[in-house]
Every structure is written in structure tokens, then in C-alpha cells.
């Protein structure tokens, strides 16, 4: 497996442990999301300062519309996903959000002229079946199913598709510069949502939450997004889609091992299907 795929898998693995941190953070989710964008941006700027790198105005200017659009899609993905969590179950919202790789796979032959092989199609369908099993949506029943929540989850998925498409379209720009602009744009998009939801409310802040948000911002956002956006543009979108399904597997496993949350036989089978699909899809590289 080449270095770019390794970077992408490392980033996805970090994303999978975010749920573990969120378990111990008491602040509202939209505040956490905003902090991710702000601290992540500052992390990138700090890395650029340490490396004594300066921004390249020409390449930024050439890619600015696509970078801003990508950052907006990132922020909107967070906004719509968390909004879906409020009106339907986490399982249903997550399942809708993970329709994104299916959409990316479907668009790849049209947008990027990537040949959709039977092998890739089989792997993505297997991975999606795994997601259904991991989410536990059928075991938990559909009593909390809300069409509005489904719509919000699917809108989040479309925003994620926008992220992938935009990053494949950007060219010739340093990964650090690209990531800084995208994270800053995502924070700018999330800010009005935070102000709308939190206006007039009093926040209760504890030391543990502050420390965990710093870790979330520096490591799981700044560092992880350097790996994520830097590698995404260099590997096929079909690989991006399939390998992205490793995130919920890591999330389920860390929750079971560290938080002692129960994991069903269906969840274990789903994780095996996703891991198998990811490995098999990349075995020729």
C-alpha cells in the first residue's frame, strides 16, 4: 500500500476515535464543531510558521473558489449531520450520511472518468451492508425514524460528496495551505449556526472538556486534516469512498473496548465486511 493511502487510512482512523472524545465533552455539539474548525486552522498556521513556509497567492487565487466551496461543504456536512442527530436516531443519521461513498462511486465514471469495475462495485456494496449492520438500525427499530432527519442526513451526505469532488478538482496547491483555507471556511459556515442555537444560553465549561477540545482541534482536526486533504487528491475517488468506511469500524471498536459499550453479533459481522471490502478493494495496489 502506498504512502498516500496510508495517510488517508491514518486520518480516517483518527476520525473514528472522535466519538470517544465526544463522550467526555459536555459542551453542545455545535460549539465543539466550531472549535474544531478554529483550532484546526490555527494548527495549520502554526505548522506553516514552524516550517517557515509562506502562502503562495497565485496558486491560492487559482484554487480559491473550489477551496472555499470545499470548506463550506465541510462545515455544512457537520451542521446537517448534527441537526439530523437532533431529530432522528444516531444510527439513522449516520446511515444516511454514509450514503456519500455510494454517490461518489456512482459519479466517478462520469466526473473523473474512472472505470467502475465489478470488483469496486462489489466492495462498496459489501461495505455499505456492513455499515447497515454496524449502525444497528434494524435491531433498534424504526420507531424514531423521522423523514426530516433522513433528509438532513442525506443532505449531509451530499455535502461530503462535494468535499471529495472539490478536492479532486484542486490542483498545484500545497496541502497545508489547502487545509488551512478549507478549515477556516468551515468555521465561518458553522459560526451562524452556533450563534442561532446558542444565543442567550449560558455555557457551563469544565477543564476536562477544554483539554479534550484542544486535543480534538490539534490532533483530530489539524493534524488529521493535513493527512486527509493532502492524500485525498492523490488517490482514486473510489478508494477514498471505500476506505472511508473504516471510520465507523474504528468508532465501534473503540467504544466497545474502552467505553465498554455493547457490540452485537451483527455489529461484529458488519465490521468484518467493511474491513474485508477495504482490504480486497486495495489488494492490487
Protein backbone atom coordinates (compact mmCIF):
# COMPACT_ATOMS: atom_id res chain seq x y z
CA UNK A 1 0.00 0.00 0.00
CA UNK A 2 1.45 3.39 -0.98
CA UNK A 3 2.14 6.30 1.37
CA UNK A 4 -0.88 8.36 0.31
CA UNK A 5 -3.31 5.57 1.11
CA UNK A 6 -1.53 5.07 4.44
CA UNK A 7 -2.00 8.76 5.25
CA UNK A 8 -5.68 8.58 4.33
CA UNK A 9 -6.23 5.49 6.50
CA UNK A 10 -4.42 7.18 9.41
CA UNK A 11 -6.71 10.20 9.11
CA UNK A 12 -9.84 8.07 8.93
CA UNK A 13 -8.66 6.10 11.97
CA UNK A 14 -8.29 9.32 13.95
CA UNK A 15 -11.80 10.37 12.90
CA UNK A 16 -13.08 7.06 14.22
CA UNK A 17 -11.85 7.91 17.72
CA UNK A 18 -13.64 11.28 17.82
CA UNK A 19 -16.72 9.67 19.32
CA UNK A 20 -14.60 8.54 22.25
CA UNK A 21 -13.57 12.14 22.97
CA UNK A 22 -17.09 13.47 22.49
CA UNK A 23 -18.30 11.04 25.14
CA UNK A 24 -16.39 13.04 27.76
CA UNK A 25 -17.04 16.55 26.40
CA UNK A 26 -20.04 18.27 27.99
CA UNK A 27 -20.32 21.25 25.63
CA UNK A 28 -23.03 21.41 22.91
CA UNK A 29 -22.05 19.65 19.67
CA UNK A 30 -22.17 22.81 17.56
CA UNK A 31 -19.69 24.52 19.91
CA UNK A 32 -17.38 21.54 19.56
CA UNK A 33 -17.69 21.70 15.77
CA UNK A 34 -16.84 25.42 15.70
CA UNK A 35 -13.83 24.86 17.96
CA UNK A 36 -12.65 22.09 15.63
CA UNK A 37 -12.61 24.49 12.71
CA UNK A 38 -10.93 27.35 14.57
CA UNK A 39 -8.29 25.30 16.41
CA UNK A 40 -7.63 23.18 13.33
CA UNK A 41 -6.98 26.32 11.28
CA UNK A 42 -4.63 27.70 13.94
CA UNK A 43 -2.80 24.35 13.99
CA UNK A 44 -2.14 24.53 10.26
CA UNK A 45 -0.96 28.14 10.53
CA UNK A 46 1.38 27.13 13.37
CA UNK A 47 2.86 24.32 11.28
CA UNK A 48 3.37 26.72 8.37
CA UNK A 49 5.11 29.16 10.73
CA UNK A 50 7.38 26.47 12.20
CA UNK A 51 8.31 25.24 8.74
CA UNK A 52 8.87 28.87 7.69
CA UNK A 53 6.53 28.43 4.74
CA UNK A 54 4.66 31.32 3.23
CA UNK A 55 1.39 31.23 1.34
CA UNK A 56 1.52 31.17 -2.46
CA UNK A 57 -1.01 33.78 -3.59
CA UNK A 58 -1.05 32.67 -7.23
CA UNK A 59 -1.95 29.04 -6.59
CA UNK A 60 -4.38 30.00 -3.84
CA UNK A 61 -6.07 32.53 -6.10
CA UNK A 62 -6.36 29.93 -8.87
CA UNK A 63 -7.95 27.40 -6.50
CA UNK A 64 -9.77 29.77 -4.14
CA UNK A 65 -13.36 29.23 -5.39
CA UNK A 66 -13.03 25.44 -5.18
CA UNK A 67 -11.31 25.65 -1.77
CA UNK A 68 -14.00 27.90 -0.32
CA UNK A 69 -16.70 25.64 -1.71
CA UNK A 70 -14.97 22.59 -0.22
CA UNK A 71 -14.67 24.31 3.17
CA UNK A 72 -18.33 25.34 3.03
CA UNK A 73 -19.30 21.74 2.23
CA UNK A 74 -17.24 20.56 5.20
CA UNK A 75 -18.94 22.98 7.58
CA UNK A 76 -22.40 22.20 6.18
CA UNK A 77 -21.74 18.47 6.49
CA UNK A 78 -21.15 18.98 10.21
CA UNK A 79 -24.20 21.26 10.56
CA UNK A 80 -26.67 18.98 8.76
CA UNK A 81 -25.35 15.82 10.43
CA UNK A 82 -25.65 17.24 13.93
CA UNK A 83 -29.08 18.62 13.06
CA UNK A 84 -30.09 15.12 11.94
CA UNK A 85 -28.89 13.72 15.27
CA UNK A 86 -31.38 16.03 17.00
CA UNK A 87 -34.48 14.77 15.18
CA UNK A 88 -33.75 11.10 14.50
CA UNK A 89 -31.55 8.35 15.87
CA UNK A 90 -27.77 8.45 15.60
CA UNK A 91 -27.95 5.16 13.67
CA UNK A 92 -30.35 6.52 11.04
CA UNK A 93 -28.48 9.84 10.70
CA UNK A 94 -25.12 8.09 10.35
CA UNK A 95 -26.51 5.59 7.86
CA UNK A 96 -27.86 8.41 5.68
CA UNK A 97 -24.54 10.27 5.92
CA UNK A 98 -22.68 7.16 4.78
CA UNK A 99 -24.65 7.13 1.55
CA UNK A 100 -21.96 9.59 0.40
CA UNK A 101 -19.42 6.94 -0.73
CA UNK A 102 -22.13 5.22 -2.79
CA UNK A 103 -22.85 8.53 -4.53
CA UNK A 104 -19.11 9.18 -5.07
CA UNK A 105 -18.66 5.74 -6.62
CA UNK A 106 -21.63 6.33 -8.92
CA UNK A 107 -20.28 9.71 -10.06
CA UNK A 108 -16.64 8.70 -10.53
CA UNK A 109 -17.03 7.32 -14.10
CA UNK A 110 -18.89 10.47 -15.18
CA UNK A 111 -16.88 13.15 -13.39
CA UNK A 112 -13.37 11.66 -13.22
CA UNK A 113 -13.53 9.05 -15.99
CA UNK A 114 -12.53 6.34 -13.52
CA UNK A 115 -13.63 2.91 -14.71
CA UNK A 116 -16.10 1.33 -12.29
CA UNK A 117 -15.07 -2.31 -12.11
CA UNK A 118 -17.20 -5.15 -10.81
CA UNK A 119 -14.67 -5.55 -8.02
CA UNK A 120 -15.04 -1.93 -6.81
CA UNK A 121 -18.82 -2.10 -7.09
CA UNK A 122 -18.90 -5.35 -5.11
CA UNK A 123 -16.63 -3.85 -2.44
CA UNK A 124 -18.68 -0.68 -1.98
CA UNK A 125 -21.94 -2.63 -1.73
CA UNK A 126 -20.37 -5.03 0.77
CA UNK A 127 -19.07 -2.11 2.81
CA UNK A 128 -22.49 -0.46 2.81
CA UNK A 129 -24.13 -3.68 4.02
CA UNK A 130 -21.51 -3.64 6.75
CA UNK A 131 -22.48 -0.08 7.66
CA UNK A 132 -26.13 -1.12 7.98
CA UNK A 133 -25.13 -3.91 10.37
CA UNK A 134 -22.74 -1.70 12.37
CA UNK A 135 -25.34 1.06 12.74
CA UNK A 136 -27.80 -1.37 14.29
CA UNK A 137 -30.64 0.47 12.61
CA UNK A 138 -32.71 -2.69 12.17
CA UNK A 139 -32.02 -4.03 15.65
CA UNK A 140 -33.01 -0.70 17.18
CA UNK A 141 -36.20 -0.48 15.17
CA UNK A 142 -37.53 2.48 13.22
CA UNK A 143 -39.83 3.99 15.83
CA UNK A 144 -37.75 7.16 15.93
CA UNK A 145 -37.49 7.40 12.14
CA UNK A 146 -38.22 10.95 11.04
CA UNK A 147 -38.33 11.91 7.38
CA UNK A 148 -36.91 15.33 8.23
CA UNK A 149 -33.98 13.65 9.96
CA UNK A 150 -33.45 11.37 6.96
CA UNK A 151 -33.48 14.43 4.70
CA UNK A 152 -30.92 16.20 6.88
CA UNK A 153 -28.70 13.10 6.92
CA UNK A 154 -28.84 12.75 3.15
CA UNK A 155 -28.07 16.46 2.76
CA UNK A 156 -25.01 15.92 4.96
CA UNK A 157 -24.03 13.07 2.61
CA UNK A 158 -24.33 15.35 -0.43
CA UNK A 159 -22.09 17.90 1.31
CA UNK A 160 -19.50 15.18 1.86
CA UNK A 161 -19.69 14.31 -1.84
CA UNK A 162 -18.98 17.98 -2.52
CA UNK A 163 -15.86 17.78 -0.34
CA UNK A 164 -14.49 14.84 -2.31
CA UNK A 165 -15.30 16.33 -5.71
CA UNK A 166 -13.80 19.71 -4.83
CA UNK A 167 -10.59 18.20 -3.50
CA UNK A 168 -10.12 16.15 -6.65
CA UNK A 169 -10.56 19.33 -8.71
CA UNK A 170 -8.00 21.42 -6.80
CA UNK A 171 -4.51 21.27 -8.28
CA UNK A 172 -1.00 22.54 -7.66
CA UNK A 173 -1.62 23.84 -4.16
CA UNK A 174 0.32 22.94 -1.02
CA UNK A 175 -1.71 20.57 1.24
CA UNK A 176 -1.12 22.79 4.28
CA UNK A 177 -2.39 25.89 2.53
CA UNK A 178 -5.37 24.00 1.16
CA UNK A 179 -6.28 22.57 4.56
CA UNK A 180 -5.98 25.94 6.34
CA UNK A 181 -8.36 27.64 3.90
CA UNK A 182 -10.86 24.77 3.99
CA UNK A 183 -10.97 24.62 7.78
CA UNK A 184 -11.28 28.40 8.07
CA UNK A 185 -14.16 28.34 5.58
CA UNK A 186 -15.85 25.53 7.52
CA UNK A 187 -15.63 27.52 10.76
CA UNK A 188 -17.11 30.58 9.03
CA UNK A 189 -20.04 28.47 7.80
CA UNK A 190 -20.68 26.90 11.22
CA UNK A 191 -20.50 30.20 13.15
CA UNK A 192 -24.02 31.46 12.21
CA UNK A 193 -25.46 28.07 13.19
CA UNK A 194 -23.75 28.31 16.58
CA UNK A 195 -24.99 31.85 17.17
CA UNK A 196 -28.54 30.84 16.23
CA UNK A 197 -28.61 27.83 18.56
CA UNK A 198 -26.67 29.28 21.49
CA UNK A 199 -27.84 32.92 21.52
CA UNK A 200 -28.76 33.87 25.07
CA UNK A 201 -27.76 30.49 26.54
CA UNK A 202 -25.21 30.16 29.33
CA UNK A 203 -22.40 27.68 28.75
CA UNK A 204 -21.01 25.52 31.54
CA UNK A 205 -17.36 24.81 30.82
CA UNK A 206 -15.20 22.29 32.70
CA UNK A 207 -11.46 21.72 32.50
CA UNK A 208 -11.71 18.22 31.07
CA UNK A 209 -13.89 19.38 28.18
CA UNK A 210 -11.49 22.21 27.38
CA UNK A 211 -8.49 19.87 27.31
CA UNK A 212 -10.29 17.33 25.15
CA UNK A 213 -11.44 20.02 22.72
CA UNK A 214 -7.81 21.13 22.38
CA UNK A 215 -6.81 17.53 21.56
CA UNK A 216 -9.75 17.29 19.16
CA UNK A 217 -8.73 20.53 17.47
CA UNK A 218 -4.98 19.99 17.24
CA UNK A 219 -4.75 16.24 16.64
CA UNK A 220 -8.11 15.03 15.28
CA UNK A 221 -8.68 18.10 13.12
CA UNK A 222 -5.46 19.97 12.35
CA UNK A 223 -3.10 17.02 12.04
CA UNK A 224 -5.74 14.60 10.71
CA UNK A 225 -6.95 17.01 8.04
CA UNK A 226 -3.39 17.59 6.82
CA UNK A 227 -3.24 13.85 6.15
CA UNK A 228 -6.82 13.69 4.87
CA UNK A 229 -6.90 16.54 2.38
CA UNK A 230 -3.29 16.03 1.38
CA UNK A 231 -3.86 12.41 0.39
CA UNK A 232 -7.43 12.62 -0.94
CA UNK A 233 -6.40 14.44 -4.11
CA UNK A 234 -3.78 11.79 -4.92
CA UNK A 235 -5.78 8.55 -4.70
CA UNK A 236 -8.76 7.41 -6.81
CA UNK A 237 -12.14 8.61 -5.56
CA UNK A 238 -13.35 5.00 -5.45
CA UNK A 239 -10.58 4.20 -2.96
CA UNK A 240 -11.50 7.34 -1.00
CA UNK A 241 -15.08 6.09 -0.79
CA UNK A 242 -14.34 2.52 0.27
CA UNK A 243 -11.51 3.29 2.72
CA UNK A 244 -13.68 5.99 4.30
CA UNK A 245 -15.92 3.23 5.65
CA UNK A 246 -13.12 2.26 8.06
CA UNK A 247 -14.09 5.23 10.26
CA UNK A 248 -17.26 3.70 11.78
CA UNK A 249 -15.43 0.41 12.32
CA UNK A 250 -12.80 2.17 14.43
CA UNK A 251 -15.56 4.07 16.23
CA UNK A 252 -17.47 0.90 17.12
CA UNK A 253 -14.33 -0.96 18.22
CA UNK A 254 -13.02 1.85 20.44
CA UNK A 255 -16.45 2.28 22.02
CA UNK A 256 -16.63 -1.43 22.77
CA UNK A 257 -13.05 -1.76 24.06
CA UNK A 258 -12.71 1.48 26.02
CA UNK A 259 -16.24 2.61 26.89
CA UNK A 260 -17.46 -0.98 27.34
CA UNK A 261 -20.43 -0.28 25.09
CA UNK A 262 -22.15 -3.47 23.91
CA UNK A 263 -21.42 -4.71 20.41
CA UNK A 264 -23.81 -7.12 18.75
CA UNK A 265 -23.02 -10.08 16.54
CA UNK A 266 -24.41 -8.02 13.65
CA UNK A 267 -22.00 -5.22 14.53
CA UNK A 268 -19.05 -7.60 14.52
CA UNK A 269 -20.14 -9.08 11.19
CA UNK A 270 -20.56 -5.57 9.75
CA UNK A 271 -17.06 -4.58 10.87
CA UNK A 272 -15.62 -7.72 9.26
CA UNK A 273 -17.45 -7.00 6.00
CA UNK A 274 -16.17 -3.40 5.90
CA UNK A 275 -12.58 -4.37 6.70
CA UNK A 276 -12.70 -7.19 4.17
CA UNK A 277 -14.10 -4.91 1.46
CA UNK A 278 -11.47 -2.24 2.17
CA UNK A 279 -8.58 -4.71 2.05
CA UNK A 280 -9.85 -6.54 -1.04
CA UNK A 281 -10.52 -3.30 -2.94
CA UNK A 282 -6.89 -2.18 -2.48
CA UNK A 283 -5.15 -5.55 -2.70
CA UNK A 284 -3.88 -4.90 -6.23
CA UNK A 285 -2.03 -1.72 -5.16
